[in-house]
C-alpha cells in the first residue's frame, strides 16, 4: 500500500525548488509553452529546464502534449494553479510582503 503522507511529501518536494516554482509561475501566467520558450524566459539551459519539467511531470504538476517532435508543457490542472496562488496569498498575509503571481 502506498503511503499517503509520502505522496503528499513528494508533491511538496517537487515544489521546493526555486527554478521549478519560477517555471510554474511562468506557465500560470503565459499558458502552454515549449522548452525553448521557457528557456528564453527563465534563462536556464534547455537540458536543465527539461530535467526540472520531468520532475514536475512525474509529480503530476505539469502535463504536456506532443506536437510533432516538440512537447508543449502546461499546468496539469486548476488545482495546481490554486495551490500556487493560495500559497502566495498565504505568504502575503502572514509575512506582510507583496508577492504577485505575475512577478515574472
N, C-alpha and C. Protein backbone atom coordinates (compact mmCIF):
# COMPACT_ATOMS: atom_id res chain seq x y z
N UNK A 1 0.84 -1.18 0.00
CA UNK A 1 0.00 0.00 0.00
C UNK A 1 0.89 1.25 0.00
N UNK A 2 0.53 2.19 -0.83
CA UNK A 2 1.29 3.43 -0.93
C UNK A 2 0.97 4.31 0.27
N UNK A 3 2.00 4.89 0.84
CA UNK A 3 1.84 5.77 2.00
C UNK A 3 1.35 7.14 1.52
N UNK A 4 0.15 7.53 1.94
CA UNK A 4 -0.43 8.81 1.52
C UNK A 4 0.39 10.00 1.95
N UNK A 5 0.98 9.92 3.13
CA UNK A 5 1.83 11.02 3.60
C UNK A 5 3.04 11.17 2.70
N UNK A 6 3.60 10.08 2.25
CA UNK A 6 4.75 10.11 1.33
C UNK A 6 4.37 10.77 0.01
N UNK A 7 3.18 10.48 -0.49
CA UNK A 7 2.72 11.08 -1.75
C UNK A 7 2.63 12.60 -1.60
N UNK A 8 2.06 13.05 -0.51
CA UNK A 8 1.94 14.49 -0.27
C UNK A 8 3.32 15.11 -0.10
N UNK A 9 4.18 14.45 0.64
CA UNK A 9 5.54 14.94 0.86
C UNK A 9 6.30 15.05 -0.46
N UNK A 10 6.19 14.04 -1.31
CA UNK A 10 6.85 14.07 -2.62
C UNK A 10 6.33 15.21 -3.49
N UNK A 11 5.03 15.46 -3.40
CA UNK A 11 4.43 16.56 -4.16
C UNK A 11 5.06 17.90 -3.75
N UNK A 12 5.13 18.14 -2.44
CA UNK A 12 5.69 19.40 -1.97
C UNK A 12 7.20 19.46 -2.19
N UNK A 13 7.86 18.33 -2.19
CA UNK A 13 9.29 18.31 -2.50
C UNK A 13 9.52 18.78 -3.94
N UNK A 14 8.64 18.39 -4.84
CA UNK A 14 8.76 18.84 -6.24
C UNK A 14 8.58 20.34 -6.36
N UNK A 15 7.85 20.94 -5.43
CA UNK A 15 7.64 22.38 -5.44
C UNK A 15 8.72 23.15 -4.67
N UNK A 16 9.67 22.44 -4.10
CA UNK A 16 10.64 23.07 -3.20
C UNK A 16 11.83 23.72 -3.89
N UNK A 17 11.87 23.70 -5.19
CA UNK A 17 12.98 24.28 -5.94
C UNK A 17 12.56 25.62 -6.55
N UNK A 18 13.38 26.65 -6.36
CA UNK A 18 13.04 28.00 -6.85
C UNK A 18 12.82 28.03 -8.36
N UNK A 19 13.65 27.33 -9.10
CA UNK A 19 13.52 27.36 -10.57
C UNK A 19 12.24 26.66 -11.01
N UNK A 20 11.87 25.57 -10.32
CA UNK A 20 10.62 24.91 -10.67
C UNK A 20 9.43 25.81 -10.38
N UNK A 21 9.47 26.53 -9.27
CA UNK A 21 8.40 27.49 -8.97
C UNK A 21 8.38 28.59 -10.02
N UNK A 22 9.53 29.05 -10.44
CA UNK A 22 9.60 30.08 -11.48
C UNK A 22 8.99 29.58 -12.78
N UNK A 23 9.28 28.34 -13.14
CA UNK A 23 8.68 27.74 -14.33
C UNK A 23 7.16 27.68 -14.18
N UNK A 24 6.69 27.25 -13.02
CA UNK A 24 5.24 27.16 -12.79
C UNK A 24 4.57 28.52 -12.88
N UNK A 25 5.17 29.55 -12.28
CA UNK A 25 4.59 30.89 -12.35
C UNK A 25 4.53 31.37 -13.79
N UNK A 26 5.55 31.05 -14.57
CA UNK A 26 5.57 31.42 -15.99
C UNK A 26 4.45 30.71 -16.75
N UNK A 27 4.27 29.41 -16.49
CA UNK A 27 3.20 28.67 -17.17
C UNK A 27 1.82 29.14 -16.72
N UNK A 28 1.68 29.49 -15.45
CA UNK A 28 0.40 30.01 -14.98
C UNK A 28 0.08 31.31 -15.69
N UNK A 29 1.07 32.18 -15.80
CA UNK A 29 0.85 33.49 -16.40
C UNK A 29 0.69 33.42 -17.92
N UNK A 30 1.53 32.65 -18.57
CA UNK A 30 1.61 32.67 -20.04
C UNK A 30 0.91 31.51 -20.74
N UNK A 31 0.55 30.47 -19.99
CA UNK A 31 -0.10 29.32 -20.63
C UNK A 31 0.91 28.32 -21.17
N UNK A 32 0.48 27.53 -22.10
CA UNK A 32 1.28 26.44 -22.66
C UNK A 32 2.54 26.96 -23.34
N UNK A 33 3.67 26.30 -23.04
CA UNK A 33 4.96 26.70 -23.62
C UNK A 33 5.83 25.48 -23.87
N UNK A 34 6.70 25.59 -24.87
CA UNK A 34 7.68 24.53 -25.09
C UNK A 34 8.96 24.86 -24.32
N UNK A 35 9.91 23.94 -24.32
CA UNK A 35 11.15 24.12 -23.57
C UNK A 35 11.91 25.35 -24.04
N UNK A 36 11.93 25.59 -25.34
CA UNK A 36 12.64 26.74 -25.88
C UNK A 36 12.06 28.06 -25.37
N UNK A 37 10.74 28.14 -25.31
CA UNK A 37 10.09 29.36 -24.82
C UNK A 37 10.35 29.55 -23.32
N UNK A 38 10.36 28.47 -22.58
CA UNK A 38 10.66 28.55 -21.15
C UNK A 38 12.12 28.97 -20.97
N UNK A 39 13.00 28.41 -21.78
CA UNK A 39 14.43 28.76 -21.74
C UNK A 39 14.64 30.26 -21.95
N UNK A 40 13.94 30.84 -22.91
CA UNK A 40 14.09 32.27 -23.19
C UNK A 40 13.69 33.12 -21.99
N UNK A 41 12.70 32.68 -21.24
CA UNK A 41 12.20 33.45 -20.10
C UNK A 41 13.01 33.18 -18.83
N UNK A 42 13.31 31.92 -18.57
CA UNK A 42 13.93 31.52 -17.30
C UNK A 42 15.45 31.66 -17.35
N UNK A 43 16.04 31.41 -18.51
CA UNK A 43 17.49 31.58 -18.65
C UNK A 43 18.33 30.39 -18.25
N UNK A 44 17.73 29.28 -17.94
CA UNK A 44 18.49 28.06 -17.67
C UNK A 44 18.80 27.38 -19.01
N UNK A 45 19.71 26.43 -18.98
CA UNK A 45 19.96 25.67 -20.19
C UNK A 45 18.74 24.82 -20.50
N UNK A 46 18.59 24.48 -21.77
CA UNK A 46 17.43 23.68 -22.15
C UNK A 46 17.45 22.29 -21.49
N UNK A 47 18.62 21.62 -21.38
CA UNK A 47 18.61 20.34 -20.66
C UNK A 47 18.21 20.49 -19.19
N UNK A 48 18.62 21.58 -18.56
CA UNK A 48 18.26 21.81 -17.15
C UNK A 48 16.76 22.04 -17.02
N UNK A 49 16.19 22.79 -17.95
CA UNK A 49 14.74 23.01 -17.93
C UNK A 49 14.00 21.70 -18.16
N UNK A 50 14.47 20.92 -19.10
CA UNK A 50 13.84 19.61 -19.36
C UNK A 50 13.87 18.73 -18.12
N UNK A 51 14.97 18.76 -17.39
CA UNK A 51 15.08 17.98 -16.16
C UNK A 51 14.07 18.46 -15.11
N UNK A 52 13.96 19.77 -14.94
CA UNK A 52 13.01 20.33 -13.98
C UNK A 52 11.57 19.99 -14.39
N UNK A 53 11.28 20.08 -15.67
CA UNK A 53 9.94 19.74 -16.16
C UNK A 53 9.63 18.26 -15.95
N UNK A 54 10.64 17.41 -16.08
CA UNK A 54 10.44 15.98 -15.84
C UNK A 54 10.03 15.73 -14.39
N UNK A 55 10.68 16.41 -13.45
CA UNK A 55 10.32 16.28 -12.03
C UNK A 55 8.89 16.74 -11.81
N UNK A 56 8.53 17.88 -12.40
CA UNK A 56 7.17 18.40 -12.26
C UNK A 56 6.16 17.47 -12.92
N UNK A 57 6.52 16.88 -14.04
CA UNK A 57 5.62 15.96 -14.73
C UNK A 57 5.40 14.68 -13.91
N UNK A 58 6.48 14.13 -13.39
CA UNK A 58 6.37 12.89 -12.60
C UNK A 58 5.58 13.11 -11.32
N UNK A 59 5.50 14.36 -10.88
CA UNK A 59 4.71 14.70 -9.68
C UNK A 59 3.30 15.14 -10.04
N UNK A 60 2.94 15.04 -11.32
CA UNK A 60 1.60 15.40 -11.82
C UNK A 60 1.28 16.88 -11.62
N UNK A 61 2.32 17.71 -11.69
CA UNK A 61 2.16 19.16 -11.52
C UNK A 61 2.05 19.83 -12.88
N UNK A 62 2.79 19.33 -13.85
CA UNK A 62 2.63 19.78 -15.23
C UNK A 62 2.29 18.57 -16.09
N UNK A 63 1.77 18.87 -17.24
CA UNK A 63 1.46 17.85 -18.24
C UNK A 63 2.00 18.37 -19.56
N UNK A 64 1.99 17.54 -20.58
CA UNK A 64 2.44 18.01 -21.89
C UNK A 64 1.66 17.33 -22.99
N UNK A 65 1.67 17.99 -24.14
CA UNK A 65 1.14 17.43 -25.38
C UNK A 65 2.29 17.38 -26.36
N UNK A 66 2.36 16.32 -27.13
CA UNK A 66 3.36 16.26 -28.18
C UNK A 66 2.78 16.84 -29.46
N UNK A 67 3.52 17.76 -30.04
CA UNK A 67 3.18 18.31 -31.35
C UNK A 67 4.39 18.09 -32.23
N UNK A 68 4.31 17.04 -33.04
CA UNK A 68 5.48 16.62 -33.81
C UNK A 68 6.52 16.09 -32.84
N UNK A 69 7.75 16.64 -32.93
CA UNK A 69 8.82 16.23 -32.03
C UNK A 69 8.85 17.07 -30.76
N UNK A 70 8.01 18.07 -30.70
CA UNK A 70 8.04 19.04 -29.62
C UNK A 70 7.03 18.70 -28.52
N UNK A 71 7.41 18.95 -27.27
CA UNK A 71 6.49 18.81 -26.14
C UNK A 71 6.06 20.21 -25.72
N UNK A 72 4.76 20.39 -25.58
CA UNK A 72 4.19 21.65 -25.13
C UNK A 72 3.71 21.42 -23.69
N UNK A 73 4.30 22.15 -22.75
CA UNK A 73 4.01 21.95 -21.33
C UNK A 73 2.95 22.91 -20.85
N UNK A 74 2.18 22.44 -19.87
CA UNK A 74 1.12 23.25 -19.27
C UNK A 74 0.93 22.79 -17.83
N UNK A 75 0.29 23.63 -17.04
CA UNK A 75 -0.09 23.24 -15.69
C UNK A 75 -1.08 22.09 -15.81
N UNK A 76 -0.93 21.06 -14.99
CA UNK A 76 -1.73 19.84 -15.17
C UNK A 76 -3.22 20.08 -14.96
N UNK A 77 -3.58 20.90 -13.98
CA UNK A 77 -4.99 21.22 -13.78
C UNK A 77 -5.11 22.45 -12.88
N UNK A 78 -6.32 22.90 -12.70
CA UNK A 78 -6.57 24.14 -11.95
C UNK A 78 -6.18 24.02 -10.48
N UNK A 79 -6.13 22.79 -9.95
CA UNK A 79 -5.72 22.61 -8.55
C UNK A 79 -4.31 23.14 -8.32
N UNK A 80 -3.44 22.91 -9.28
CA UNK A 80 -2.04 23.36 -9.15
C UNK A 80 -2.00 24.88 -9.12
N UNK A 81 -2.73 25.52 -10.01
CA UNK A 81 -2.79 26.98 -10.03
C UNK A 81 -3.31 27.49 -8.69
N UNK A 82 -4.34 26.87 -8.17
CA UNK A 82 -4.90 27.28 -6.87
C UNK A 82 -3.89 27.11 -5.74
N UNK A 83 -3.16 26.01 -5.74
CA UNK A 83 -2.16 25.77 -4.70
C UNK A 83 -1.10 26.86 -4.73
N UNK A 84 -0.60 27.19 -5.92
CA UNK A 84 0.43 28.23 -6.03
C UNK A 84 -0.13 29.59 -5.61
N UNK A 85 -1.29 29.95 -6.12
CA UNK A 85 -1.89 31.25 -5.77
C UNK A 85 -2.23 31.32 -4.29
N UNK A 86 -2.78 30.24 -3.72
CA UNK A 86 -3.10 30.24 -2.30
C UNK A 86 -1.84 30.35 -1.45
N UNK A 87 -0.77 29.72 -1.88
CA UNK A 87 0.50 29.81 -1.16
C UNK A 87 1.00 31.25 -1.17
N UNK A 88 0.95 31.89 -2.33
CA UNK A 88 1.38 33.29 -2.42
C UNK A 88 0.49 34.17 -1.56
N UNK A 89 -0.81 33.95 -1.60
CA UNK A 89 -1.73 34.72 -0.75
C UNK A 89 -1.42 34.52 0.73
N UNK A 90 -1.11 33.30 1.11
CA UNK A 90 -0.77 33.00 2.49
C UNK A 90 0.51 33.75 2.91
N UNK A 91 1.51 33.71 2.06
CA UNK A 91 2.77 34.41 2.36
C UNK A 91 2.52 35.91 2.47
N UNK A 92 1.75 36.45 1.54
CA UNK A 92 1.43 37.87 1.59
C UNK A 92 0.72 38.23 2.90
N UNK A 93 -0.15 37.36 3.35
CA UNK A 93 -0.93 37.61 4.56
C UNK A 93 -0.07 37.47 5.83
N UNK A 94 0.72 36.42 5.89
CA UNK A 94 1.46 36.14 7.12
C UNK A 94 2.79 36.87 7.22
N UNK A 95 3.42 37.12 6.11
CA UNK A 95 4.75 37.76 6.12
C UNK A 95 4.68 39.25 5.86
N UNK A 96 3.49 39.71 5.55
CA UNK A 96 3.28 41.13 5.24
C UNK A 96 4.21 41.61 4.12
N UNK A 97 4.35 40.75 3.13
CA UNK A 97 5.10 41.11 1.91
C UNK A 97 4.14 41.05 0.74
N UNK A 98 4.54 41.58 -0.36
CA UNK A 98 3.70 41.57 -1.55
C UNK A 98 4.38 40.78 -2.65
N UNK A 99 3.96 39.57 -2.81
CA UNK A 99 4.40 38.73 -3.92
C UNK A 99 3.24 38.70 -4.89
N UNK A 100 3.53 38.87 -6.17
CA UNK A 100 2.47 38.84 -7.17
C UNK A 100 2.62 37.59 -8.02
N UNK A 101 1.52 37.11 -8.55
CA UNK A 101 1.55 35.93 -9.41
C UNK A 101 2.32 36.20 -10.68
N UNK A 102 2.30 37.42 -11.13
CA UNK A 102 2.89 37.77 -12.43
C UNK A 102 4.18 38.56 -12.27
N UNK A 103 4.97 38.24 -11.25
CA UNK A 103 6.21 38.96 -11.00
C UNK A 103 7.32 38.59 -11.98
N UNK A 104 6.99 37.86 -13.00
CA UNK A 104 7.99 37.40 -13.94
C UNK A 104 8.63 38.53 -14.66
